[in-house]
Amino acid sequence: MKDDDTELFRELMQDVTPLRQEPIAVVKHGTEKTEVHALRREAAMAEAQTDPGLGLTDEVREWVDPDGIIAWRRNGVQDGVFRQLKKGNYEPQATLNMHQMRVKEARIEVARFIQDCYRYGVRTCMLIHGKGKRSPERPALLKSLCNQWLPELEPVLAFHTAHKKHGGEGATYVMIRKNMNSKLENREQNRKR
C-alpha cells in the first residue's frame, strides 16, 4: 500500500475493536518425508514404469478349459451391452497377439496394452491368447492367466470369449471403460441435443 492509503486505512479503522482469537494448536502429523521414504517411493515408481503388470501374478489360480468360454463383467455393465460384446457386435479397435509370449512378457504386455487402450479412448479390444493345446503339460496357460488378470485391471469393464469370426476360444473381447476425454466429448455431444 502507498503511504496515503495506509494513513486512510488507519483513520477508518481507528474505532474498530479487534476480535478475540482463541489460541491455535499446531498439530504435527507423521508425514515428514525422510530420505528413506523418498528412495522407496522412487524405486516403486521406477518398478511400476518398467513392469506395468505389477500386482498381477504369474501363477494360475484356476485353470480353464482350452475350448471353454471365459466371461466376466463388473457390476453396472448392462445385460444388453454384455450380450452385444458376447456376439461380437462391438468391432475390436485394437488387438494384442500373445502367441509365443512367455508368461512374464505376456503379463507386462497385457497390462500395458489395456492401459494404452484406456489412454487412447479404445472402448473394445481383443486379446489373442490361443488355446494352448500344443503344450499338454500346461494347456490354456495364457487363456487361464487372461481370465485371472483382466478383472484385476481397473480399466476393464467386461470380457468374453470371441465370436468364431474373430478367433473363437483362442481370443477374448475386452470392453474398456471411457477415459476422461471420452466422457467430456460425450457430455458435449449430449448437451448440443
Protein backbone atom coordinates (compact mmCIF):
# COMPACT_ATOMS: atom_id res chain seq x y z
CA MET A 1 0.00 0.00 0.00
CA LYS A 2 1.03 3.57 -0.57
CA ASP A 3 1.58 5.89 2.42
CA ASP A 4 -1.66 7.81 1.69
CA ASP A 5 -3.62 4.56 1.56
CA THR A 6 -2.09 3.31 4.78
CA GLU A 7 -2.92 6.55 6.58
CA LEU A 8 -6.51 6.50 5.31
CA PHE A 9 -6.88 2.86 6.36
CA ARG A 10 -5.69 3.61 9.90
CA GLU A 11 -8.11 6.54 10.20
CA LEU A 12 -11.02 4.36 9.14
CA MET A 13 -10.05 1.53 11.47
CA GLN A 14 -9.41 3.78 14.49
CA ASP A 15 -12.67 2.89 16.30
CA VAL A 16 -12.62 -0.83 15.42
CA THR A 17 -12.02 -3.31 18.25
CA PRO A 18 -10.09 -6.43 17.25
CA LEU A 19 -11.84 -9.78 17.73
CA ARG A 20 -10.51 -12.12 20.35
CA GLN A 21 -8.92 -15.17 18.84
CA GLU A 22 -8.61 -18.49 20.59
CA PRO A 23 -5.09 -19.90 20.58
CA ILE A 24 -4.48 -22.24 17.65
CA ALA A 25 -2.96 -25.62 18.38
CA VAL A 26 -0.27 -26.71 15.97
CA VAL A 27 -0.55 -30.43 15.34
CA LYS A 28 2.26 -32.29 13.63
CA HIS A 29 1.25 -35.23 11.53
CA GLY A 30 3.65 -38.08 10.96
CA THR A 31 4.07 -37.10 7.33
CA GLU A 32 7.58 -35.74 7.45
CA LYS A 33 9.40 -37.18 4.48
CA THR A 34 12.70 -38.79 5.16
CA GLU A 35 15.33 -39.67 2.63
CA VAL A 36 14.45 -43.36 3.01
CA HIS A 37 10.79 -42.68 2.17
CA ALA A 38 11.79 -40.71 -0.91
CA LEU A 39 14.09 -43.51 -2.11
CA ARG A 40 11.38 -46.14 -1.57
CA ARG A 41 8.83 -44.06 -3.47
CA GLU A 42 11.25 -43.54 -6.38
CA ALA A 43 12.06 -47.25 -6.51
CA ALA A 44 8.36 -48.17 -6.52
CA MET A 45 7.61 -45.68 -9.29
CA ALA A 46 10.53 -46.93 -11.38
CA GLU A 47 9.40 -50.54 -10.93
CA ALA A 48 5.82 -49.66 -11.88
CA GLN A 49 7.05 -48.00 -15.07
CA THR A 50 9.23 -50.94 -16.09
CA ASP A 51 6.59 -53.51 -15.06
CA PRO A 52 3.05 -52.21 -15.61
CA GLY A 53 1.75 -55.67 -14.69
CA LEU A 54 2.95 -55.19 -11.13
CA GLY A 55 0.48 -56.83 -8.79
CA LEU A 56 -0.60 -59.44 -11.33
CA THR A 57 0.60 -62.92 -10.50
CA ASP A 58 2.28 -65.34 -12.90
CA GLU A 59 0.76 -68.35 -11.14
CA VAL A 60 -2.55 -69.73 -12.37
CA ARG A 61 -5.16 -69.87 -9.60
CA GLU A 62 -7.81 -71.59 -11.71
CA TRP A 63 -7.19 -73.40 -14.98
CA VAL A 64 -9.74 -73.01 -17.75
CA ASP A 65 -10.63 -75.46 -20.50
CA PRO A 66 -8.80 -74.70 -23.80
CA ASP A 67 -12.15 -74.99 -25.63
CA GLY A 68 -14.14 -73.29 -22.86
CA ILE A 69 -15.66 -69.85 -22.71
CA ILE A 70 -14.28 -67.21 -20.36
CA ALA A 71 -16.50 -64.30 -19.40
CA TRP A 72 -16.73 -61.66 -16.68
CA ARG A 73 -18.23 -58.22 -16.12
CA ARG A 74 -18.16 -55.56 -13.44
CA ASN A 75 -21.30 -54.63 -11.57
CA GLY A 76 -23.17 -51.99 -13.53
CA VAL A 77 -22.45 -53.32 -17.02
CA GLN A 78 -25.89 -53.70 -18.58
CA ASP A 79 -27.12 -57.08 -19.80
CA GLY A 80 -27.71 -55.76 -23.33
CA VAL A 81 -24.22 -54.27 -23.57
CA PHE A 82 -22.65 -57.52 -22.35
CA ARG A 83 -24.77 -59.50 -24.82
CA GLN A 84 -23.55 -57.27 -27.70
CA LEU A 85 -19.93 -57.82 -26.60
CA LYS A 86 -20.53 -61.58 -26.48
CA LYS A 87 -21.99 -61.59 -30.01
CA GLY A 88 -19.00 -59.69 -31.39
CA ASN A 89 -21.14 -56.70 -32.35
CA TYR A 90 -18.54 -54.28 -31.00
CA GLU A 91 -15.73 -54.38 -33.53
CA PRO A 92 -12.32 -54.58 -31.79
CA GLN A 93 -10.43 -51.31 -32.29
CA ALA A 94 -7.09 -52.79 -31.17
CA THR A 95 -5.63 -56.30 -30.91
CA LEU A 96 -2.79 -57.84 -28.93
CA ASN A 97 -1.42 -61.12 -30.30
CA MET A 98 0.11 -63.06 -27.42
CA HIS A 99 1.17 -66.17 -29.35
CA GLN A 100 4.68 -67.35 -28.41
CA MET A 101 4.92 -64.94 -25.45
CA ARG A 102 6.37 -66.11 -22.18
CA VAL A 103 4.21 -65.56 -19.09
CA LYS A 104 6.17 -62.61 -17.69
CA GLU A 105 6.24 -60.89 -21.08
CA ALA A 106 2.51 -61.56 -21.58
CA ARG A 107 1.68 -60.11 -18.14
CA ILE A 108 3.56 -56.89 -18.88
CA GLU A 109 2.16 -56.61 -22.43
CA VAL A 110 -1.45 -57.21 -21.36
CA ALA A 111 -1.26 -54.58 -18.61
CA ARG A 112 0.45 -52.08 -20.94
CA PHE A 113 -2.00 -52.81 -23.78
CA ILE A 114 -5.06 -52.30 -21.57
CA GLN A 115 -3.63 -49.05 -20.16
CA ASP A 116 -2.84 -47.81 -23.69
CA CYS A 117 -6.36 -48.67 -24.87
CA TYR A 118 -7.80 -46.71 -21.94
CA ARG A 119 -5.47 -43.75 -22.52
CA TYR A 120 -6.31 -43.52 -26.25
CA GLY A 121 -10.06 -44.00 -25.84
CA VAL A 122 -10.29 -47.51 -27.29
CA ARG A 123 -13.54 -49.00 -26.00
CA THR A 124 -13.30 -52.57 -27.33
CA CYS A 125 -10.11 -54.51 -27.89
CA MET A 126 -9.16 -58.15 -28.36
CA LEU A 127 -6.53 -60.40 -26.84
CA ILE A 128 -5.39 -63.33 -28.97
CA HIS A 129 -4.04 -65.80 -26.43
CA GLY A 130 -4.62 -69.04 -28.30
CA LYS A 131 -6.00 -72.23 -26.81
CA GLY A 132 -2.66 -73.62 -25.71
CA LYS A 133 -3.43 -77.13 -26.92
CA ARG A 134 0.16 -77.69 -28.08
CA SER A 135 1.53 -77.69 -24.54
CA PRO A 136 -0.05 -80.77 -22.94
CA GLU A 137 1.53 -80.16 -19.51
CA ARG A 138 0.01 -76.65 -19.29
CA PRO A 139 -2.87 -76.29 -21.76
CA ALA A 140 -4.60 -72.89 -21.94
CA LEU A 141 -1.91 -71.24 -19.80
CA LEU A 142 -2.23 -67.74 -21.29
CA LYS A 143 -6.00 -68.07 -21.57
CA SER A 144 -6.22 -69.00 -17.87
CA LEU A 145 -3.98 -66.09 -16.92
CA CYS A 146 -6.02 -63.62 -19.01
CA ASN A 147 -9.14 -64.85 -17.22
CA GLN A 148 -7.34 -64.09 -13.96
CA TRP A 149 -5.61 -60.80 -14.89
CA LEU A 150 -8.38 -58.92 -16.68
CA PRO A 151 -10.71 -58.47 -13.66
CA GLU A 152 -7.74 -57.09 -11.71
CA LEU A 153 -7.06 -54.34 -14.27
CA GLU A 154 -9.07 -51.24 -13.35
CA PRO A 155 -9.94 -50.04 -16.90
CA VAL A 156 -11.56 -53.39 -17.80
CA LEU A 157 -15.37 -53.35 -17.64
CA ALA A 158 -16.04 -56.78 -19.12
CA PHE A 159 -14.62 -59.55 -21.27
CA HIS A 160 -15.95 -62.54 -23.19
CA THR A 161 -14.56 -65.26 -25.42
CA ALA A 162 -14.54 -64.01 -29.01
CA HIS A 163 -17.00 -64.95 -31.74
CA LYS A 164 -15.75 -67.51 -34.28
CA LYS A 165 -15.19 -64.78 -36.89
CA HIS A 166 -12.56 -63.28 -34.54
CA GLY A 167 -10.84 -66.47 -33.39
CA GLY A 168 -13.37 -68.16 -31.12
CA GLU A 169 -11.97 -69.76 -27.96
CA GLY A 170 -8.44 -68.61 -28.82
CA ALA A 171 -9.31 -64.92 -28.39
CA THR A 172 -11.15 -62.67 -25.94
CA TYR A 173 -13.05 -59.42 -26.42
CA VAL A 174 -12.31 -56.82 -23.75
CA MET A 175 -14.51 -53.81 -23.02
CA ILE A 176 -12.61 -50.81 -21.65
CA ARG A 177 -14.15 -48.00 -19.60
CA LYS A 178 -14.29 -44.49 -21.04
CA ASN A 179 -11.38 -42.24 -20.26
CA MET A 180 -11.97 -38.66 -19.08
CA ASN A 181 -11.63 -37.20 -22.60
CA SER A 182 -14.26 -39.59 -23.96
CA LYS A 183 -16.61 -38.71 -21.10
CA LEU A 184 -16.19 -34.98 -21.77
CA GLU A 185 -16.80 -35.44 -25.51
CA ASN A 186 -19.90 -37.48 -24.74
CA ARG A 187 -21.22 -34.76 -22.41
CA GLU A 188 -20.61 -32.11 -25.07
CA GLN A 189 -22.48 -34.12 -27.70
CA ASN A 190 -25.42 -34.73 -25.37
CA ARG A 191 -25.51 -31.06 -24.36
CA LYS A 192 -25.90 -29.98 -28.01
CA ARG A 193 -29.06 -32.07 -28.47
